[in-house]
């Protein structure tokens, strides 16, 4: 579906939550080193629950390595500094949704280089930023919505009872 890129993530719980969202949606998770935790971290594992076998996780030593590997791909950079909202772009299957580290976001040099594909999630001016896991989920589900949730189950089942007719 989509590729979710975490550039130097620092908090294992956030990465675990994003991994779980990727597992539920079929997105590929790319993590750019250095990571602020060990991939064996108990908080990372716990946040991802028992979904790790459903996640395609790929590790890269730099963002440049990722760009070189996916030269033809479209990359969208999520940042509080962007001029336009994430709803103003048309996300397509295979696009890359890129997020920066929790404490600093994406490097400004990277943003300036890719100004046309920088997008923001609107929020109050007094607020510095949203949680990384929440931001990734918003972006992923907007892309899925734009693509009619293709490939995902849109019906739920009750465990003990049944829905009325």
N, C-alpha and C. Protein backbone atom coordinates (compact mmCIF):
# COMPACT_ATOMS: atom_id res chain seq x y z
N UNK A 1 0.84 -1.19 0.00
CA UNK A 1 0.00 0.00 0.00
C UNK A 1 0.88 1.25 0.00
N UNK A 2 1.18 1.78 1.18
CA UNK A 2 2.06 2.95 1.32
C UNK A 2 3.34 2.52 2.03
N UNK A 3 4.33 3.36 1.94
CA UNK A 3 5.57 3.17 2.67
C UNK A 3 5.63 4.26 3.74
N UNK A 4 5.84 3.87 4.98
CA UNK A 4 5.95 4.82 6.09
C UNK A 4 7.41 4.87 6.50
N UNK A 5 7.98 6.07 6.52
CA UNK A 5 9.39 6.25 6.82
C UNK A 5 9.54 7.02 8.13
N UNK A 6 10.28 6.43 9.06
CA UNK A 6 10.59 7.09 10.32
C UNK A 6 12.08 7.43 10.29
N UNK A 7 12.38 8.72 10.25
CA UNK A 7 13.76 9.17 10.20
C UNK A 7 14.27 9.34 11.64
N UNK A 8 15.17 8.47 12.03
CA UNK A 8 15.80 8.49 13.34
C UNK A 8 14.80 8.56 14.50
N UNK A 9 13.83 7.63 14.53
CA UNK A 9 12.86 7.65 15.64
C UNK A 9 13.56 7.45 16.97
N UNK A 10 13.02 8.09 18.01
CA UNK A 10 13.66 8.09 19.32
C UNK A 10 12.90 7.31 20.38
N UNK A 11 11.60 7.17 20.24
CA UNK A 11 10.77 6.60 21.29
C UNK A 11 10.20 5.25 20.82
N UNK A 12 10.57 4.16 21.48
CA UNK A 12 10.15 2.84 21.02
C UNK A 12 8.64 2.64 20.98
N UNK A 13 7.93 3.23 21.92
CA UNK A 13 6.47 3.07 21.93
C UNK A 13 5.84 3.66 20.67
N UNK A 14 6.36 4.80 20.21
CA UNK A 14 5.84 5.40 18.98
C UNK A 14 6.10 4.49 17.79
N UNK A 15 7.33 4.00 17.68
CA UNK A 15 7.66 3.11 16.56
C UNK A 15 6.82 1.84 16.62
N UNK A 16 6.61 1.32 17.81
CA UNK A 16 5.76 0.12 17.96
C UNK A 16 4.33 0.38 17.55
N UNK A 17 3.78 1.52 17.95
CA UNK A 17 2.41 1.87 17.56
C UNK A 17 2.30 2.03 16.05
N UNK A 18 3.28 2.65 15.44
CA UNK A 18 3.28 2.84 13.98
C UNK A 18 3.41 1.49 13.29
N UNK A 19 4.24 0.61 13.84
CA UNK A 19 4.37 -0.75 13.28
C UNK A 19 3.03 -1.47 13.31
N UNK A 20 2.30 -1.31 14.39
CA UNK A 20 0.99 -1.95 14.50
C UNK A 20 0.02 -1.39 13.46
N UNK A 21 0.06 -0.08 13.24
CA UNK A 21 -0.79 0.53 12.21
C UNK A 21 -0.38 0.02 10.83
N UNK A 22 0.91 -0.11 10.60
CA UNK A 22 1.39 -0.66 9.32
C UNK A 22 0.91 -2.11 9.14
N UNK A 23 0.96 -2.89 10.21
CA UNK A 23 0.49 -4.27 10.15
C UNK A 23 -0.99 -4.33 9.77
N UNK A 24 -1.78 -3.45 10.35
CA UNK A 24 -3.23 -3.45 10.11
C UNK A 24 -3.60 -2.94 8.72
N UNK A 25 -2.70 -2.19 8.10
CA UNK A 25 -3.04 -1.55 6.82
C UNK A 25 -2.22 -2.08 5.64
N UNK A 26 -1.23 -2.91 5.90
CA UNK A 26 -0.39 -3.43 4.83
C UNK A 26 0.70 -2.48 4.37
N UNK A 27 0.98 -1.45 5.15
CA UNK A 27 2.04 -0.51 4.78
C UNK A 27 3.41 -1.09 5.14
N UNK A 28 4.40 -0.72 4.36
CA UNK A 28 5.78 -1.10 4.64
C UNK A 28 6.37 -0.04 5.58
N UNK A 29 7.10 -0.47 6.59
CA UNK A 29 7.72 0.45 7.55
C UNK A 29 9.21 0.51 7.29
N UNK A 30 9.71 1.72 7.04
CA UNK A 30 11.14 1.95 6.85
C UNK A 30 11.64 2.74 8.05
N UNK A 31 12.73 2.27 8.67
CA UNK A 31 13.32 3.01 9.78
C UNK A 31 14.74 3.40 9.40
N UNK A 32 15.00 4.71 9.51
CA UNK A 32 16.30 5.27 9.17
C UNK A 32 17.14 5.38 10.43
N UNK A 33 18.31 4.79 10.41
CA UNK A 33 19.23 4.85 11.55
C UNK A 33 19.91 6.21 11.64
N UNK A 34 20.36 6.60 12.84
CA UNK A 34 20.35 5.82 14.07
C UNK A 34 18.98 5.84 14.75
N UNK A 35 18.65 4.73 15.37
CA UNK A 35 17.41 4.62 16.13
C UNK A 35 17.72 4.97 17.58
N UNK A 36 16.75 5.55 18.26
CA UNK A 36 16.94 5.91 19.66
C UNK A 36 16.65 4.77 20.61
N UNK A 37 16.65 3.54 20.10
CA UNK A 37 16.33 2.36 20.90
C UNK A 37 16.86 1.13 20.17
N UNK A 38 16.87 0.02 20.87
CA UNK A 38 17.24 -1.25 20.25
C UNK A 38 15.99 -1.89 19.67
N UNK A 39 16.12 -2.57 18.56
CA UNK A 39 14.93 -3.19 17.96
C UNK A 39 14.41 -4.34 18.80
N UNK A 40 15.16 -4.74 19.81
CA UNK A 40 14.69 -5.77 20.73
C UNK A 40 14.03 -5.15 21.96
N UNK A 41 13.94 -3.83 21.99
CA UNK A 41 13.41 -3.10 23.14
C UNK A 41 12.02 -3.62 23.51
N UNK A 42 11.82 -3.89 24.81
CA UNK A 42 10.54 -4.45 25.26
C UNK A 42 9.38 -3.49 25.01
N UNK A 43 9.64 -2.18 25.05
CA UNK A 43 8.56 -1.21 24.82
C UNK A 43 8.15 -1.21 23.34
N UNK A 44 9.12 -1.37 22.47
CA UNK A 44 8.84 -1.47 21.04
C UNK A 44 7.99 -2.71 20.77
N UNK A 45 8.40 -3.82 21.31
CA UNK A 45 7.68 -5.09 21.11
C UNK A 45 6.27 -5.01 21.69
N UNK A 46 6.16 -4.46 22.91
CA UNK A 46 4.85 -4.40 23.56
C UNK A 46 3.90 -3.49 22.80
N UNK A 47 4.38 -2.35 22.32
CA UNK A 47 3.51 -1.43 21.59
C UNK A 47 3.02 -2.05 20.28
N UNK A 48 3.83 -2.90 19.66
CA UNK A 48 3.44 -3.57 18.42
C UNK A 48 2.61 -4.83 18.66
N UNK A 49 2.47 -5.19 19.93
CA UNK A 49 1.74 -6.39 20.35
C UNK A 49 2.22 -7.61 19.57
N UNK A 50 1.29 -8.44 19.16
CA UNK A 50 1.66 -9.67 18.44
C UNK A 50 1.47 -9.50 16.93
N UNK A 51 1.69 -8.28 16.43
CA UNK A 51 1.50 -7.99 15.02
C UNK A 51 2.82 -7.98 14.23
N UNK A 52 3.94 -8.19 14.88
CA UNK A 52 5.23 -8.03 14.22
C UNK A 52 5.38 -8.92 12.99
N UNK A 53 4.80 -10.11 13.02
CA UNK A 53 4.91 -11.00 11.86
C UNK A 53 4.14 -10.47 10.64
N UNK A 54 3.28 -9.49 10.84
CA UNK A 54 2.50 -8.90 9.74
C UNK A 54 3.15 -7.65 9.14
N UNK A 55 4.27 -7.22 9.72
CA UNK A 55 4.90 -5.96 9.30
C UNK A 55 6.15 -6.24 8.48
N UNK A 56 6.23 -5.56 7.34
CA UNK A 56 7.45 -5.58 6.53
C UNK A 56 8.28 -4.39 6.98
N UNK A 57 9.29 -4.64 7.84
CA UNK A 57 10.14 -3.58 8.36
C UNK A 57 11.47 -3.61 7.62
N UNK A 58 11.88 -2.45 7.14
CA UNK A 58 13.16 -2.34 6.43
C UNK A 58 13.99 -1.24 7.08
N UNK A 59 15.26 -1.52 7.28
CA UNK A 59 16.17 -0.59 7.93
C UNK A 59 17.14 0.00 6.91
N UNK A 60 17.44 1.29 7.07
CA UNK A 60 18.35 2.01 6.18
C UNK A 60 19.32 2.82 7.03
N UNK A 61 20.54 2.97 6.53
CA UNK A 61 21.55 3.72 7.27
C UNK A 61 21.43 5.23 7.09
N UNK A 62 20.69 5.66 6.07
CA UNK A 62 20.49 7.10 5.85
C UNK A 62 19.29 7.32 4.94
N UNK A 63 18.77 8.53 4.95
CA UNK A 63 17.67 8.88 4.05
C UNK A 63 18.15 8.84 2.60
N UNK A 64 19.41 9.19 2.38
CA UNK A 64 19.97 9.16 1.02
C UNK A 64 19.98 7.73 0.48
N UNK A 65 20.27 6.78 1.34
CA UNK A 65 20.23 5.37 0.93
C UNK A 65 18.82 4.98 0.49
N UNK A 66 17.83 5.42 1.23
CA UNK A 66 16.43 5.15 0.88
C UNK A 66 16.08 5.79 -0.46
N UNK A 67 16.46 7.05 -0.65
CA UNK A 67 16.19 7.75 -1.92
C UNK A 67 16.84 7.02 -3.09
N UNK A 68 18.06 6.56 -2.90
CA UNK A 68 18.77 5.86 -3.98
C UNK A 68 18.10 4.54 -4.33
N UNK A 69 17.54 3.89 -3.33
CA UNK A 69 16.88 2.60 -3.55
C UNK A 69 15.52 2.76 -4.24
N UNK A 70 14.87 3.89 -4.04
CA UNK A 70 13.53 4.13 -4.59
C UNK A 70 13.53 5.43 -5.39
N UNK A 71 14.34 5.49 -6.41
CA UNK A 71 14.53 6.70 -7.21
C UNK A 71 13.25 7.24 -7.86
N UNK A 72 12.37 6.37 -8.25
CA UNK A 72 11.17 6.77 -8.99
C UNK A 72 9.96 7.04 -8.09
N UNK A 73 10.12 6.86 -6.81
CA UNK A 73 8.99 6.97 -5.88
C UNK A 73 8.65 8.42 -5.56
N UNK A 74 7.42 8.61 -5.10
CA UNK A 74 6.96 9.92 -4.62
C UNK A 74 7.10 9.93 -3.10
N UNK A 75 7.72 10.98 -2.59
CA UNK A 75 7.93 11.14 -1.16
C UNK A 75 7.17 12.37 -0.67
N UNK A 76 6.42 12.21 0.43
CA UNK A 76 5.72 13.32 1.07
C UNK A 76 6.29 13.47 2.48
N UNK A 77 6.69 14.68 2.80
CA UNK A 77 7.37 14.97 4.06
C UNK A 77 6.41 15.67 5.01
N UNK A 78 6.09 15.01 6.11
CA UNK A 78 5.14 15.55 7.08
C UNK A 78 5.89 16.38 8.11
N UNK A 79 5.51 17.66 8.18
CA UNK A 79 6.21 18.60 9.04
C UNK A 79 5.27 19.72 9.47
N UNK A 80 5.48 20.22 10.66
CA UNK A 80 4.69 21.36 11.13
C UNK A 80 5.06 22.64 10.39
N UNK A 81 6.14 22.62 9.62
CA UNK A 81 6.65 23.81 8.95
C UNK A 81 6.11 23.98 7.53
N UNK A 82 5.37 23.01 7.01
CA UNK A 82 4.90 23.05 5.63
C UNK A 82 3.84 24.13 5.42
N UNK A 83 3.71 24.54 4.18
CA UNK A 83 2.74 25.59 3.82
C UNK A 83 1.37 25.04 3.47
N UNK A 84 1.28 23.77 3.12
CA UNK A 84 -0.03 23.24 2.73
C UNK A 84 -0.38 21.99 3.52
N UNK A 85 -1.66 21.72 3.59
CA UNK A 85 -2.18 20.61 4.38
C UNK A 85 -2.04 19.28 3.63
N UNK A 86 -1.99 18.21 4.38
CA UNK A 86 -1.88 16.87 3.82
C UNK A 86 -3.08 16.51 2.94
N UNK A 87 -4.19 17.17 3.16
CA UNK A 87 -5.40 16.89 2.37
C UNK A 87 -5.33 17.52 0.98
N UNK A 88 -4.32 18.33 0.72
CA UNK A 88 -4.17 19.01 -0.57
C UNK A 88 -3.35 18.22 -1.57
N UNK A 89 -2.89 17.04 -1.20
CA UNK A 89 -2.13 16.20 -2.13
C UNK A 89 -2.89 14.92 -2.41
N UNK A 90 -2.64 14.35 -3.57
CA UNK A 90 -3.26 13.08 -3.96
C UNK A 90 -2.26 11.97 -3.69
N UNK A 91 -2.54 11.19 -2.68
CA UNK A 91 -1.65 10.10 -2.31
C UNK A 91 -2.04 8.85 -3.11
N UNK A 92 -1.02 8.18 -3.63
CA UNK A 92 -1.24 6.98 -4.45
C UNK A 92 -0.50 5.80 -3.84
N UNK A 93 -1.00 4.61 -4.14
CA UNK A 93 -0.33 3.41 -3.67
C UNK A 93 1.14 3.47 -4.02
N UNK A 94 1.97 3.08 -3.08
CA UNK A 94 3.41 3.09 -3.31
C UNK A 94 4.11 4.36 -2.89
N UNK A 95 3.35 5.41 -2.55
CA UNK A 95 3.95 6.65 -2.10
C UNK A 95 4.60 6.46 -0.73
N UNK A 96 5.58 7.30 -0.44
CA UNK A 96 6.31 7.28 0.82
C UNK A 96 5.86 8.45 1.69
N UNK A 97 5.49 8.15 2.92
CA UNK A 97 5.07 9.14 3.91
C UNK A 97 6.21 9.25 4.93
N UNK A 98 6.88 10.39 4.96
CA UNK A 98 8.11 10.52 5.72
C UNK A 98 7.89 11.38 6.97
N UNK A 99 8.37 10.88 8.11
CA UNK A 99 8.22 11.55 9.40
C UNK A 99 9.57 11.68 10.08
N UNK A 100 9.79 12.79 10.77
CA UNK A 100 11.04 13.03 11.46
C UNK A 100 11.02 12.54 12.89
N UNK A 101 12.15 12.72 13.55
CA UNK A 101 12.27 12.29 14.95
C UNK A 101 11.39 13.14 15.85
N UNK A 102 11.02 12.58 16.96
CA UNK A 102 10.06 13.21 17.87
C UNK A 102 10.52 14.57 18.38
N UNK A 103 11.78 14.74 18.68
CA UNK A 103 12.24 15.99 19.31
C UNK A 103 12.55 17.11 18.33
N UNK A 104 12.87 16.77 17.08
CA UNK A 104 13.31 17.82 16.14
C UNK A 104 12.60 17.79 14.80
N UNK A 105 11.85 16.76 14.51
CA UNK A 105 11.23 16.66 13.19
C UNK A 105 12.26 16.33 12.12
N UNK A 106 11.94 16.68 10.89
CA UNK A 106 12.85 16.44 9.77
C UNK A 106 13.84 17.59 9.65
N UNK A 107 15.05 17.33 9.18
CA UNK A 107 16.03 18.41 9.00
C UNK A 107 15.52 19.45 8.01
N UNK A 108 15.73 20.72 8.32
CA UNK A 108 15.24 21.80 7.46
C UNK A 108 15.85 21.75 6.07
N UNK A 109 17.09 21.27 5.94
CA UNK A 109 17.72 21.14 4.62
C UNK A 109 16.92 20.19 3.74
N UNK A 110 16.45 19.11 4.33
CA UNK A 110 15.63 18.13 3.60
C UNK A 110 14.31 18.75 3.18
N UNK A 111 13.71 19.53 4.07
CA UNK A 111 12.43 20.18 3.77
C UNK A 111 12.58 21.18 2.62
N UNK A 112 13.61 22.00 2.66
CA UNK A 112 13.83 23.00 1.62
C UNK A 112 14.06 22.31 0.27
N UNK A 113 14.80 21.19 0.30
CA UNK A 113 15.06 20.42 -0.92
C UNK A 113 13.79 19.86 -1.55
N UNK A 114 12.78 19.58 -0.71
CA UNK A 114 11.55 18.94 -1.16
C UNK A 114 10.32 19.79 -0.83
N UNK A 115 10.44 21.08 -0.96
CA UNK A 115 9.38 22.01 -0.55
C UNK A 115 8.01 21.66 -1.13
N UNK A 116 7.97 21.27 -2.39
CA UNK A 116 6.67 21.02 -3.05
C UNK A 116 5.94 19.80 -2.50
N UNK A 117 6.66 18.93 -1.82
CA UNK A 117 6.01 17.73 -1.28
C UNK A 117 6.04 17.70 0.25
N UNK A 118 6.21 18.86 0.86
CA UNK A 118 6.08 18.99 2.31
C UNK A 118 4.62 19.30 2.64
N UNK A 119 4.08 18.59 3.61
CA UNK A 119 2.69 18.80 4.01
C UNK A 119 2.60 18.83 5.53
N UNK A 120 1.55 19.46 6.01
CA UNK A 120 1.34 19.58 7.45
C UNK A 120 -0.04 19.07 7.83
N UNK A 121 -0.17 18.71 9.08
CA UNK A 121 -1.46 18.36 9.66
C UNK A 121 -1.90 19.61 10.43
N UNK A 122 -2.98 20.25 10.03
CA UNK A 122 -3.39 21.50 10.69
C UNK A 122 -3.69 21.28 12.18
N UNK A 123 -3.31 22.25 12.98
CA UNK A 123 -3.57 22.23 14.41
C UNK A 123 -3.50 23.66 14.95
N UNK A 124 -3.85 23.83 16.18
CA UNK A 124 -3.80 25.14 16.81
C UNK A 124 -2.38 25.67 16.85
N UNK A 125 -2.24 26.98 16.71
CA UNK A 125 -0.93 27.60 16.70
C UNK A 125 -0.16 27.47 17.99
N UNK A 126 -0.87 27.35 19.10
CA UNK A 126 -0.20 27.23 20.40
C UNK A 126 0.40 25.86 20.62
N UNK A 127 0.01 24.91 19.80
CA UNK A 127 0.48 23.53 19.96
C UNK A 127 1.72 23.31 19.10
N UNK A 128 2.74 22.68 19.68
CA UNK A 128 4.00 22.49 18.96
C UNK A 128 3.89 21.38 17.92
N UNK A 129 3.30 20.24 18.30
CA UNK A 129 3.18 19.13 17.36
C UNK A 129 2.27 18.05 17.93
N UNK A 130 1.90 17.12 17.08
CA UNK A 130 1.14 15.95 17.49
C UNK A 130 2.09 14.81 17.81
N UNK A 131 1.60 13.80 18.47
CA UNK A 131 2.37 12.59 18.71
C UNK A 131 2.70 11.93 17.37
N UNK A 132 3.90 11.38 17.25
CA UNK A 132 4.35 10.78 16.00
C UNK A 132 3.44 9.64 15.55
N UNK A 133 3.02 8.80 16.48
CA UNK A 133 2.13 7.70 16.12
C UNK A 133 0.79 8.19 15.59
N UNK A 134 0.26 9.24 16.20
CA UNK A 134 -1.00 9.82 15.74
C UNK A 134 -0.84 10.44 14.36
N UNK A 135 0.27 11.15 14.16
CA UNK A 135 0.52 11.78 12.86
C UNK A 135 0.61 10.75 11.75
N UNK A 136 1.33 9.68 12.01
CA UNK A 136 1.47 8.62 11.01
C UNK A 136 0.11 7.99 10.70
N UNK A 137 -0.69 7.75 11.72
CA UNK A 137 -2.02 7.15 11.50
C UNK A 137 -2.91 8.08 10.68
N UNK A 138 -2.88 9.36 10.98
CA UNK A 138 -3.67 10.33 10.20
C UNK A 138 -3.27 10.27 8.74
N UNK A 139 -1.96 10.29 8.48
CA UNK A 139 -1.46 10.28 7.10
C UNK A 139 -1.81 8.98 6.38
N UNK A 140 -1.59 7.86 7.05
CA UNK A 140 -1.88 6.55 6.43
C UNK A 140 -3.36 6.46 6.08
N UNK A 141 -4.22 6.82 7.00
CA UNK A 141 -5.65 6.66 6.75
C UNK A 141 -6.18 7.68 5.75
N UNK A 142 -5.55 8.82 5.63
CA UNK A 142 -5.94 9.75 4.57
C UNK A 142 -5.59 9.14 3.21
N UNK A 143 -4.41 8.56 3.12
CA UNK A 143 -4.03 7.90 1.87
C UNK A 143 -4.95 6.74 1.55
N UNK A 144 -5.29 5.96 2.55
CA UNK A 144 -6.22 4.84 2.34
C UNK A 144 -7.59 5.35 1.90
N UNK A 145 -8.07 6.40 2.56
CA UNK A 145 -9.37 6.98 2.19
C UNK A 145 -9.36 7.43 0.74
N UNK A 146 -8.28 8.11 0.33
CA UNK A 146 -8.19 8.59 -1.05
C UNK A 146 -8.17 7.45 -2.05
N UNK A 147 -7.80 6.26 -1.60
CA UNK A 147 -7.73 5.09 -2.48
C UNK A 147 -8.83 4.09 -2.15
N UNK A 148 -9.94 4.59 -1.61
CA UNK A 148 -11.13 3.78 -1.30
C UNK A 148 -10.85 2.57 -0.41
N UNK A 149 -9.85 2.69 0.47
CA UNK A 149 -9.49 1.61 1.40
C UNK A 149 -9.25 0.29 0.68
N UNK A 150 -8.70 0.39 -0.52
CA UNK A 150 -8.45 -0.77 -1.36
C UNK A 150 -7.65 -1.83 -0.63
N UNK A 151 -8.17 -3.05 -0.65
CA UNK A 151 -7.48 -4.18 -0.04
C UNK A 151 -7.74 -4.36 1.44
N UNK A 152 -8.51 -3.48 2.06
CA UNK A 152 -8.78 -3.59 3.49
C UNK A 152 -10.22 -4.00 3.73
N UNK A 153 -10.43 -4.75 4.77
CA UNK A 153 -11.78 -5.15 5.17
C UNK A 153 -12.51 -3.93 5.70
N UNK A 154 -13.73 -3.73 5.22
CA UNK A 154 -14.50 -2.58 5.67
C UNK A 154 -15.71 -2.99 6.49
N UNK A 155 -15.76 -4.26 6.84
CA UNK A 155 -16.85 -4.75 7.67
C UNK A 155 -16.27 -5.41 8.91
N UNK A 156 -16.93 -5.18 10.03
CA UNK A 156 -16.47 -5.79 11.27
C UNK A 156 -17.45 -6.85 11.74
N UNK A 157 -16.97 -7.74 12.58
CA UNK A 157 -17.82 -8.79 13.15
C UNK A 157 -17.81 -8.67 14.66
N UNK A 158 -18.96 -8.91 15.25
CA UNK A 158 -19.05 -8.97 16.71
C UNK A 158 -18.53 -10.35 17.15
N UNK A 159 -18.06 -10.44 18.38
CA UNK A 159 -17.53 -11.71 18.87
C UNK A 159 -18.62 -12.61 19.43
N UNK A 160 -19.52 -12.07 20.23
CA UNK A 160 -20.55 -12.88 20.89
C UNK A 160 -21.92 -12.69 20.26
N UNK A 161 -22.22 -11.50 19.83
CA UNK A 161 -23.55 -11.19 19.30
C UNK A 161 -23.48 -11.01 17.80
N UNK A 162 -24.61 -10.73 17.18
CA UNK A 162 -24.62 -10.45 15.75
C UNK A 162 -25.35 -9.15 15.51
N UNK A 163 -24.98 -8.48 14.42
CA UNK A 163 -25.64 -7.24 14.04
C UNK A 163 -27.06 -7.53 13.59
N UNK A 164 -27.98 -6.63 13.94
CA UNK A 164 -29.36 -6.78 13.47
C UNK A 164 -29.45 -6.49 11.99
N UNK A 165 -30.48 -6.98 11.39
CA UNK A 165 -30.67 -6.80 9.94
C UNK A 165 -31.20 -5.45 9.65
